[in-house]
Amino acid sequence: MTTRKPIYAIALASILTAALSGCADLRPSKPETRTADAHITADVEAQLNQVAALGPPGSIGVQTLDHVVYLNGLVDVGLEKHIAQSVAMQAPGVTSVVNDIAVSHD
C-alpha cells in the first residue's frame, strides 16, 4: 500500500496543476486590454447608475474581462434585468454581456 500513496499524490498534483494553469488564461495578457476593460467598466457603471429603475447607484456590479462585461446584482423584475443588459451592450468597446443579475420577483 505504501507504493500507491506516491502515485495518488503525483496524480493529484498533476490534476491541480492542470486546473490552476487553466485559470491563469482568464486574465488579459496586455496592459492596454486591462486599461480598456477598466474604461468599459467605468462607462457601464456610469450608464447603469443613470437608470433609476435599476435601483440606487452601484446596486448592479460590473466587471469586464477582455471586453466582455459581467453583470451581477438583484433587481425587482425581469424587465430590469434586460434593461441592464441592453444598457451594458451600448457601451463602447463591449463585445458581449454575461448577465448574472438575479430577479427577486418575476
C-alpha atoms as a PDB file:
ATOM      1  CA  MET A   1       0.000   0.000   0.000  1.00  0.00           C
ATOM      2  CA  THR A   2       2.860   2.398   0.544  1.00  0.00           C
ATOM      3  CA  THR A   3       3.652   2.403  -3.189  1.00  0.00           C
ATOM      4  CA  ARG A   4       0.151   3.652  -4.052  1.00  0.00           C
ATOM      5  CA  LYS A   5       0.335   6.812  -1.942  1.00  0.00           C
ATOM      6  CA  PRO A   6       3.045   8.444  -4.082  1.00  0.00           C
ATOM      7  CA  ILE A   7       1.102   7.567  -7.232  1.00  0.00           C
ATOM      8  CA  TYR A   8      -2.030   9.201  -5.853  1.00  0.00           C
ATOM      9  CA  ALA A   9      -0.027  12.223  -4.766  1.00  0.00           C
ATOM     10  CA  ILE A  10       1.505  12.606  -8.236  1.00  0.00           C
ATOM     11  CA  ALA A  11      -1.896  12.200  -9.893  1.00  0.00           C
ATOM     12  CA  LEU A  12      -3.468  14.791  -7.597  1.00  0.00           C
ATOM     13  CA  ALA A  13      -0.597  17.219  -8.186  1.00  0.00           C
ATOM     14  CA  SER A  14      -0.966  16.791 -11.949  1.00  0.00           C
ATOM     15  CA  ILE A  15      -4.704  17.451 -11.829  1.00  0.00           C
ATOM     16  CA  LEU A  16      -4.290  20.544  -9.654  1.00  0.00           C
ATOM     17  CA  THR A  17      -1.523  21.904 -11.865  1.00  0.00           C
ATOM     18  CA  ALA A  18      -3.673  21.485 -14.968  1.00  0.00           C
ATOM     19  CA  ALA A  19      -6.685  23.093 -13.302  1.00  0.00           C
ATOM     20  CA  LEU A  20      -4.754  26.049 -11.964  1.00  0.00           C
ATOM     21  CA  SER A  21      -2.950  26.698 -15.216  1.00  0.00           C
ATOM     22  CA  GLY A  22      -6.328  26.955 -16.941  1.00  0.00           C
ATOM     23  CA  CYS A  23      -7.360  29.708 -14.557  1.00  0.00           C
ATOM     24  CA  ALA A  24      -4.339  31.803 -15.423  1.00  0.00           C
ATOM     25  CA  ASP A  25      -5.545  32.107 -19.027  1.00  0.00           C
ATOM     26  CA  LEU A  26      -8.578  34.148 -17.927  1.00  0.00           C
ATOM     27  CA  ARG A  27      -6.512  37.250 -17.281  1.00  0.00           C
ATOM     28  CA  PRO A  28      -5.876  39.681 -20.105  1.00  0.00           C
ATOM     29  CA  SER A  29      -2.241  39.475 -21.097  1.00  0.00           C
ATOM     30  CA  LYS A  30      -1.759  43.006 -22.392  1.00  0.00           C
ATOM     31  CA  PRO A  31      -1.763  46.143 -20.215  1.00  0.00           C
ATOM     32  CA  GLU A  32      -3.760  48.022 -22.867  1.00  0.00           C
ATOM     33  CA  THR A  33      -6.501  45.384 -22.626  1.00  0.00           C
ATOM     34  CA  ARG A  34      -6.674  45.839 -18.861  1.00  0.00           C
ATOM     35  CA  THR A  35      -6.876  49.620 -19.345  1.00  0.00           C
ATOM     36  CA  ALA A  36      -9.635  49.266 -21.952  1.00  0.00           C
ATOM     37  CA  ASP A  37     -11.523  46.900 -19.639  1.00  0.00           C
ATOM     38  CA  ALA A  38     -11.288  49.420 -16.791  1.00  0.00           C
ATOM     39  CA  HIS A  39     -12.722  52.140 -19.041  1.00  0.00           C
ATOM     40  CA  ILE A  40     -15.533  49.853 -20.188  1.00  0.00           C
ATOM     41  CA  THR A  41     -16.382  49.012 -16.578  1.00  0.00           C
ATOM     42  CA  ALA A  42     -16.479  52.699 -15.629  1.00  0.00           C
ATOM     43  CA  ASP A  43     -18.641  53.561 -18.658  1.00  0.00           C
ATOM     44  CA  VAL A  44     -21.128  50.757 -17.991  1.00  0.00           C
ATOM     45  CA  GLU A  45     -21.347  51.620 -14.272  1.00  0.00           C
ATOM     46  CA  ALA A  46     -21.996  55.278 -15.102  1.00  0.00           C
ATOM     47  CA  GLN A  47     -24.721  54.383 -17.609  1.00  0.00           C
ATOM     48  CA  LEU A  48     -26.406  51.900 -15.255  1.00  0.00           C
ATOM     49  CA  ASN A  49     -26.344  54.424 -12.420  1.00  0.00           C
ATOM     50  CA  GLN A  50     -28.389  56.833 -14.558  1.00  0.00           C
ATOM     51  CA  VAL A  51     -31.272  54.355 -14.918  1.00  0.00           C
ATOM     52  CA  ALA A  52     -33.438  54.941 -11.839  1.00  0.00           C
ATOM     53  CA  ALA A  53     -35.464  51.752 -12.436  1.00  0.00           C
ATOM     54  CA  LEU A  54     -32.367  49.650 -11.687  1.00  0.00           C
ATOM     55  CA  GLY A  55     -32.179  50.812  -8.076  1.00  0.00           C
ATOM     56  CA  PRO A  56     -29.697  53.029  -6.291  1.00  0.00           C
ATOM     57  CA  PRO A  57     -26.302  53.733  -7.900  1.00  0.00           C
ATOM     58  CA  GLY A  58     -23.924  50.834  -7.507  1.00  0.00           C
ATOM     59  CA  SER A  59     -26.635  48.229  -6.982  1.00  0.00           C
ATOM     60  CA  ILE A  60     -25.511  46.314 -10.081  1.00  0.00           C
ATOM     61  CA  GLY A  61     -21.953  45.057 -10.049  1.00  0.00           C
ATOM     62  CA  VAL A  62     -19.919  45.368 -13.238  1.00  0.00           C
ATOM     63  CA  GLN A  63     -16.705  43.585 -14.179  1.00  0.00           C
ATOM     64  CA  THR A  64     -15.022  43.484 -17.571  1.00  0.00           C
ATOM     65  CA  LEU A  65     -12.576  40.920 -18.906  1.00  0.00           C
ATOM     66  CA  ASP A  66     -11.340  41.083 -22.493  1.00  0.00           C
ATOM     67  CA  HIS A  67     -14.198  43.422 -23.483  1.00  0.00           C
ATOM     68  CA  VAL A  68     -16.826  41.052 -22.054  1.00  0.00           C
ATOM     69  CA  VAL A  69     -18.979  42.706 -19.385  1.00  0.00           C
ATOM     70  CA  TYR A  70     -20.189  40.631 -16.430  1.00  0.00           C
ATOM     71  CA  LEU A  71     -23.232  41.972 -14.576  1.00  0.00           C
ATOM     72  CA  ASN A  72     -24.408  40.827 -11.150  1.00  0.00           C
ATOM     73  CA  GLY A  73     -26.807  42.114  -8.555  1.00  0.00           C
ATOM     74  CA  LEU A  74     -30.509  41.992  -7.760  1.00  0.00           C
ATOM     75  CA  VAL A  75     -33.436  43.694  -9.477  1.00  0.00           C
ATOM     76  CA  ASP A  76     -37.175  43.565  -8.806  1.00  0.00           C
ATOM     77  CA  VAL A  77     -38.468  42.311 -12.165  1.00  0.00           C
ATOM     78  CA  GLY A  78     -37.156  40.553 -15.252  1.00  0.00           C
ATOM     79  CA  LEU A  79     -37.578  43.638 -17.435  1.00  0.00           C
ATOM     80  CA  GLU A  80     -34.991  45.471 -15.315  1.00  0.00           C
ATOM     81  CA  LYS A  81     -32.524  42.632 -15.897  1.00  0.00           C
ATOM     82  CA  HIS A  82     -32.983  43.011 -19.649  1.00  0.00           C
ATOM     83  CA  ILE A  83     -32.685  46.796 -19.438  1.00  0.00           C
ATOM     84  CA  ALA A  84     -29.355  46.467 -17.629  1.00  0.00           C
ATOM     85  CA  GLN A  85     -28.041  44.105 -20.290  1.00  0.00           C
ATOM     86  CA  SER A  86     -29.181  46.412 -23.075  1.00  0.00           C
ATOM     87  CA  VAL A  87     -27.524  49.416 -21.446  1.00  0.00           C
ATOM     88  CA  ALA A  88     -24.269  47.498 -20.999  1.00  0.00           C
ATOM     89  CA  MET A  89     -24.231  46.388 -24.654  1.00  0.00           C
ATOM     90  CA  GLN A  90     -24.403  50.020 -25.783  1.00  0.00           C
ATOM     91  CA  ALA A  91     -21.134  50.987 -24.088  1.00  0.00           C
ATOM     92  CA  PRO A  92     -18.210  51.494 -26.470  1.00  0.00           C
ATOM     93  CA  GLY A  93     -15.850  48.530 -26.679  1.00  0.00           C
ATOM     94  CA  VAL A  94     -18.249  45.908 -25.289  1.00  0.00           C
ATOM     95  CA  THR A  95     -18.241  42.690 -27.320  1.00  0.00           C
ATOM     96  CA  SER A  96     -20.755  40.762 -25.195  1.00  0.00           C
ATOM     97  CA  VAL A  97     -22.519  40.764 -21.839  1.00  0.00           C
ATOM     98  CA  VAL A  98     -22.851  37.930 -19.328  1.00  0.00           C
ATOM     99  CA  ASN A  99     -25.953  38.766 -17.325  1.00  0.00           C
ATOM    100  CA  ASP A 100     -25.924  37.132 -13.880  1.00  0.00           C
ATOM    101  CA  ILE A 101     -28.411  39.565 -12.357  1.00  0.00           C
ATOM    102  CA  ALA A 102     -30.960  37.846 -10.114  1.00  0.00           C
ATOM    103  CA  VAL A 103     -34.645  38.762 -10.148  1.00  0.00           C
ATOM    104  CA  SER A 104     -36.490  38.938  -6.843  1.00  0.00           C
ATOM    105  CA  HIS A 105     -39.990  38.850  -8.461  1.00  0.00           C
ATOM    106  CA  ASP A 106     -40.842  37.697 -11.947  1.00  0.00           C
END
